[in-house]
Protein backbone atom coordinates (compact mmCIF):
# COMPACT_ATOMS: atom_id res chain seq x y z
CA UNK A 1 160.99 22.68 -39.88
CA UNK A 2 162.93 25.36 -38.01
CA UNK A 3 166.69 25.13 -38.59
CA UNK A 4 169.04 26.79 -36.10
CA UNK A 5 172.72 27.07 -35.22
CA UNK A 6 173.33 27.15 -31.49
CA UNK A 7 175.76 26.75 -28.60
CA UNK A 8 174.55 24.51 -25.76
CA UNK A 9 175.83 25.14 -22.22
CA UNK A 10 179.45 24.09 -21.85
CA UNK A 11 179.97 23.42 -25.58
CA UNK A 12 182.54 25.41 -27.58
CA UNK A 13 181.64 24.40 -31.15
CA UNK A 14 178.29 25.40 -32.72
CA UNK A 15 175.74 22.70 -33.45
CA UNK A 16 173.01 22.54 -36.08
CA UNK A 17 169.57 21.61 -34.85
CA UNK A 18 165.82 21.74 -35.17
CA UNK A 19 163.65 23.97 -32.97
CA UNK A 20 160.54 22.25 -31.65
CA UNK A 21 158.36 24.46 -29.47
CA UNK A 22 160.49 25.36 -26.44
CA UNK A 23 163.30 22.86 -27.11
CA UNK A 24 166.08 22.48 -29.65
CA UNK A 25 167.21 19.07 -30.92
CA UNK A 26 170.67 18.58 -32.43
CA UNK A 27 171.09 16.61 -35.63
CA UNK A 28 172.79 13.27 -35.05
CA UNK A 29 175.34 14.05 -37.77
CA UNK A 30 177.07 17.44 -37.68
CA UNK A 31 178.60 18.22 -41.11
CA UNK A 32 181.52 20.53 -40.40
CA UNK A 33 181.83 23.41 -40.29
CA UNK A 34 178.40 24.70 -41.30
CA UNK A 35 175.66 22.20 -40.62
CA UNK A 36 172.60 24.30 -41.44
CA UNK A 37 173.96 25.11 -44.90
CA UNK A 38 174.22 21.33 -45.51
CA UNK A 39 170.51 20.87 -44.77
CA UNK A 40 169.59 23.85 -46.91
CA UNK A 41 171.57 22.42 -49.84
CA UNK A 42 170.35 18.84 -49.51
CA UNK A 43 166.69 19.58 -48.92
CA UNK A 44 166.67 16.78 -46.33
CA UNK A 45 163.92 17.45 -43.78
CA UNK A 46 164.32 14.29 -41.71
CA UNK A 47 163.62 15.30 -38.10
CA UNK A 48 166.65 15.80 -35.86
CA UNK A 49 167.27 12.90 -33.51
CA UNK A 50 170.27 13.92 -31.41
CA UNK A 51 170.48 15.32 -27.87
CA UNK A 52 168.14 18.16 -26.96
CA UNK A 53 168.11 21.19 -24.68
CA UNK A 54 165.62 23.77 -23.49
CA UNK A 55 165.64 26.63 -25.98
CA UNK A 56 166.06 29.10 -23.13
CA UNK A 57 169.33 27.43 -22.09
CA UNK A 58 171.21 27.71 -25.41
CA UNK A 59 172.76 30.64 -27.28
CA UNK A 60 171.31 31.07 -30.75
CA UNK A 61 173.79 32.14 -33.42
CA UNK A 62 173.02 33.42 -36.90
CA UNK A 63 171.46 30.34 -38.57
CA UNK A 64 174.18 30.48 -41.24
CA UNK A 65 176.95 32.32 -39.35
CA UNK A 66 178.80 33.50 -42.49
CA UNK A 67 176.49 33.55 -45.53
CA UNK A 68 178.38 33.60 -48.81
CA UNK A 69 176.23 36.49 -50.02
CA UNK A 70 173.72 38.88 -48.45
CA UNK A 71 171.60 40.86 -50.89
CA UNK A 72 169.47 43.81 -49.80
CA UNK A 73 166.50 45.33 -51.61
CA UNK A 74 165.78 49.06 -51.40
CA UNK A 75 162.37 50.76 -51.41
CA UNK A 76 160.41 47.52 -51.76
CA UNK A 77 157.38 48.44 -49.63
CA UNK A 78 154.89 50.81 -51.18
CA UNK A 79 154.33 52.76 -47.95
CA UNK A 80 158.07 53.05 -47.30
CA UNK A 81 158.67 54.43 -50.79
CA UNK A 82 155.93 56.97 -50.11
CA UNK A 83 157.36 58.05 -46.72
CA UNK A 84 160.75 58.44 -48.42
CA UNK A 85 159.24 60.78 -51.01
CA UNK A 86 160.27 58.42 -53.82
CA UNK A 87 158.38 56.82 -56.66
CA UNK A 88 157.99 53.07 -56.58
CA UNK A 89 160.91 51.47 -58.42
CA UNK A 90 160.23 49.78 -61.75
CA UNK A 91 162.88 47.16 -61.06
CA UNK A 92 164.30 45.92 -57.74
CA UNK A 93 167.04 48.09 -56.23
CA UNK A 94 169.74 45.61 -55.17
CA UNK A 95 172.77 46.15 -52.91
CA UNK A 96 174.99 43.77 -50.98
CA UNK A 97 176.30 43.34 -47.47
CA UNK A 98 179.52 41.36 -46.88
CA UNK A 99 179.48 38.10 -44.88
CA UNK A 100 181.00 39.98 -41.92
CA UNK A 101 177.72 41.92 -41.58
CA UNK A 102 176.00 38.73 -40.40
CA UNK A 103 175.36 38.74 -36.64
CA UNK A 104 173.44 36.59 -34.15
CA UNK A 105 169.77 37.42 -33.54
CA UNK A 106 170.73 38.83 -30.13
CA UNK A 107 173.51 41.01 -31.57
CA UNK A 108 175.14 43.15 -30.48
CA UNK A 109 175.15 45.60 -33.38
CA UNK A 110 178.34 47.65 -33.17
CA UNK A 111 178.16 51.25 -34.36
CA UNK A 112 181.39 52.44 -36.04
CA UNK A 113 182.69 55.69 -34.57
CA UNK A 114 182.18 57.48 -37.90
CA UNK A 115 178.43 56.74 -37.86
CA UNK A 116 176.19 59.27 -36.12
CA UNK A 117 172.77 58.50 -37.66
CA UNK A 118 172.06 54.79 -37.19
CA UNK A 119 168.69 53.32 -38.16
CA UNK A 120 166.79 50.03 -37.99
CA UNK A 121 164.97 48.29 -40.84
CA UNK A 122 162.74 45.31 -40.05
CA UNK A 123 162.93 42.82 -42.93
CA UNK A 124 161.72 39.44 -44.12
CA UNK A 125 164.81 37.46 -45.17
CA UNK A 126 164.68 34.85 -47.92
CA UNK A 127 167.14 31.98 -47.37
CA UNK A 128 168.28 30.11 -50.47
CA UNK A 129 168.60 26.36 -50.82
CA UNK A 130 169.91 24.09 -53.54
CA UNK A 131 169.42 24.99 -57.19
CA UNK A 132 168.65 28.63 -56.40
CA UNK A 133 165.32 27.65 -54.85
CA UNK A 134 163.81 29.36 -51.80
CA UNK A 135 164.47 27.08 -48.81
CA UNK A 136 162.95 29.20 -46.06
CA UNK A 137 162.57 32.51 -44.31
CA UNK A 138 163.94 34.37 -41.29
CA UNK A 139 163.74 37.72 -39.48
CA UNK A 140 166.44 40.32 -40.15
CA UNK A 141 167.45 43.91 -39.38
CA UNK A 142 169.02 45.77 -42.31
CA UNK A 143 170.92 48.16 -40.04
CA UNK A 144 171.72 51.38 -41.92
CA UNK A 145 174.01 54.36 -41.36
CA UNK A 146 171.82 57.13 -42.77
CA UNK A 147 174.56 59.77 -42.71
CA UNK A 148 176.85 57.63 -44.88
CA UNK A 149 173.96 56.52 -47.06
CA UNK A 150 173.05 60.12 -47.87
CA UNK A 151 176.59 61.52 -48.22
CA UNK A 152 178.25 58.78 -50.28
CA UNK A 153 177.49 57.65 -53.86
CA UNK A 154 177.21 53.99 -52.83
CA UNK A 155 175.60 52.10 -49.93
CA UNK A 156 178.37 49.61 -49.17
CA UNK A 157 179.76 51.35 -46.09
CA UNK A 158 176.33 52.52 -44.93
CA UNK A 159 174.74 49.09 -45.12
CA UNK A 160 177.67 46.68 -44.89
CA UNK A 161 179.49 47.45 -41.66
CA UNK A 162 180.41 44.54 -39.40
CA UNK A 163 177.32 43.25 -37.48
CA UNK A 164 174.87 45.31 -39.58
CA UNK A 165 172.76 42.22 -40.34
CA UNK A 166 171.52 40.49 -37.18
CA UNK A 167 169.13 37.74 -38.24
CA UNK A 168 167.39 34.56 -37.18
CA UNK A 169 166.34 33.39 -34.70
CA UNK A 170 166.10 30.33 -36.99
CA UNK A 171 165.16 29.48 -40.58
CA UNK A 172 161.56 28.40 -41.06
CA UNK A 173 161.59 26.15 -44.11
CA UNK A 174 159.05 26.30 -46.93
CA UNK A 175 157.50 22.96 -45.99
CA UNK A 176 156.22 24.76 -42.87
CA UNK A 177 155.74 28.23 -44.40
CA UNK A 178 155.14 28.23 -48.17
CA UNK A 179 156.27 31.20 -50.26
CA UNK A 180 152.71 32.44 -50.84
CA UNK A 181 152.06 32.51 -47.08
CA UNK A 182 155.31 34.42 -46.44
CA UNK A 183 154.00 37.25 -48.60
CA UNK A 184 151.20 38.09 -46.16
CA UNK A 185 152.71 38.17 -42.67
CA UNK A 186 152.58 40.88 -40.01
CA UNK A 187 156.00 42.53 -39.55
CA UNK A 188 156.75 44.84 -36.60
CA UNK A 189 159.63 46.59 -34.87
CA UNK A 190 160.17 48.27 -31.51
CA UNK A 191 162.95 50.42 -30.05
CA UNK A 192 163.25 50.25 -26.26
CA UNK A 193 159.73 48.81 -26.20
CA UNK A 194 158.22 51.66 -28.25
CA UNK A 195 156.39 50.48 -31.41
CA UNK A 196 157.96 51.78 -34.61
CA UNK A 197 156.98 49.67 -37.65
CA UNK A 198 153.75 47.73 -38.09
CA UNK A 199 152.90 46.46 -41.55
CA UNK A 200 152.36 43.31 -43.60
CA UNK A 201 154.58 41.70 -46.18
CA UNK A 202 151.65 41.98 -48.60
CA UNK A 203 152.82 45.61 -49.09
CA UNK A 204 155.92 44.32 -50.91
CA UNK A 205 156.28 45.79 -54.40
CA UNK A 206 158.36 42.86 -55.71
CA UNK A 207 157.53 39.47 -54.22
CA UNK A 208 159.93 36.78 -53.09
CA UNK A 209 160.04 34.77 -56.31
CA UNK A 210 160.45 37.91 -58.42
CA UNK A 211 163.45 39.01 -56.32
CA UNK A 212 165.15 35.62 -56.57
CA UNK A 213 164.60 35.49 -60.33
CA UNK A 214 165.88 39.05 -60.82
CA UNK A 215 169.14 38.45 -58.95
CA UNK A 216 169.62 35.02 -60.54
CA UNK A 217 169.62 36.58 -64.01
CA UNK A 218 173.25 37.57 -63.41
CA UNK A 219 174.41 35.92 -60.15
CA UNK A 220 174.46 32.24 -59.20
CA UNK A 221 172.63 31.84 -55.91
CA UNK A 222 173.97 29.26 -53.48
CA UNK A 223 172.61 27.54 -50.35
CA UNK A 224 172.64 29.85 -47.35
CA UNK A 225 172.59 33.06 -49.39
CA UNK A 226 170.22 35.71 -48.00
CA UNK A 227 167.94 38.21 -49.68
CA UNK A 228 166.63 40.94 -47.35
CA UNK A 229 163.37 41.87 -49.05
CA UNK A 230 163.05 45.51 -47.91
CA UNK A 231 161.57 47.37 -44.96
CA UNK A 232 158.09 48.80 -44.36
CA UNK A 233 157.32 52.37 -43.35
CA UNK A 234 158.17 53.62 -39.88
CA UNK A 235 161.96 53.83 -39.95
CA UNK A 236 163.56 56.33 -37.59
CA UNK A 237 164.92 58.55 -40.36
CA UNK A 238 161.42 59.47 -41.55
CA UNK A 239 159.78 60.12 -38.19
CA UNK A 240 158.98 63.73 -37.30
CA UNK A 241 161.42 64.57 -35.83
CA UNK A 242 163.79 61.73 -36.81
CA UNK A 243 164.35 59.09 -34.12
CA UNK A 244 167.72 57.48 -34.77
CA UNK A 245 169.36 54.78 -32.67
CA UNK A 246 171.68 55.54 -29.76
CA UNK A 247 174.21 53.35 -27.97
CA UNK A 248 172.39 51.08 -25.53
CA UNK A 249 169.10 51.07 -27.45
CA UNK A 250 167.36 47.70 -27.81
CA UNK A 251 165.78 46.87 -31.16
CA UNK A 252 163.18 44.11 -31.42
CA UNK A 253 161.84 42.82 -34.75
CA UNK A 254 159.07 40.27 -35.02
CA UNK A 255 157.42 38.57 -37.98
CA UNK A 256 154.44 36.34 -37.38
CA UNK A 257 155.16 32.61 -37.75
CA UNK A 258 158.92 33.32 -37.95
CA UNK A 259 159.74 34.48 -34.41
CA UNK A 260 161.62 37.55 -33.20
CA UNK A 261 165.14 38.90 -32.89
CA UNK A 262 166.22 41.42 -30.25
CA UNK A 263 169.59 43.11 -30.11
CA UNK A 264 171.42 45.98 -28.42
CA UNK A 265 173.29 48.85 -30.11
CA UNK A 266 176.86 48.96 -28.81
């Protein structure tokens, strides 16, 4: 099942629904105010049976517009650790983004005036369900301010600015994409149509279950929480010369079987 939050034409309040090919079907019941989180928590995968629209005619929002928690993982692809000149970590490197970092799959991503070196990071996102279990997966961009990341002793401002986590376009649940299958998917990114990253999630150092278990040792995970699992090699900071993002650039990130997100830098 593909769970989405969307705005149909002429409707002011978001609806929760199921994506089926080129259409989206609303659930008959709409638990307020965050329907998709309800389905993640309950584990109910009964097909949606409400009104439907062409997918091209609706506006897709972040599947969970305001996740309670967004966890990021640093240096979790072997090739990315190598391009960074770093050894592979022995334990996951965990940081957080605030709920305000969450943004729709179409963005926009807003660059704060203080940031001059903005970068993209294509990522597989784990979406949590009830009982701390993995409910599904999505596509995400761990947008990063490299100048702040390098000059400050923490990553909160560099990684957690408003809109620095566009994600979606929907959540593909584990009944459709099991965890083992999610750990061998092609993941790619483009900037203004130019290919940048092209890897597979099989290059992950710490797999999905290991990341969930590591975080859950100290933090209770709740439905709708996100874990961004890390980015593969090919980020702009490590190109020769570096190729950072500029206002007006369009970033596209695609993961096979999960869809694509595409957003503009504003």
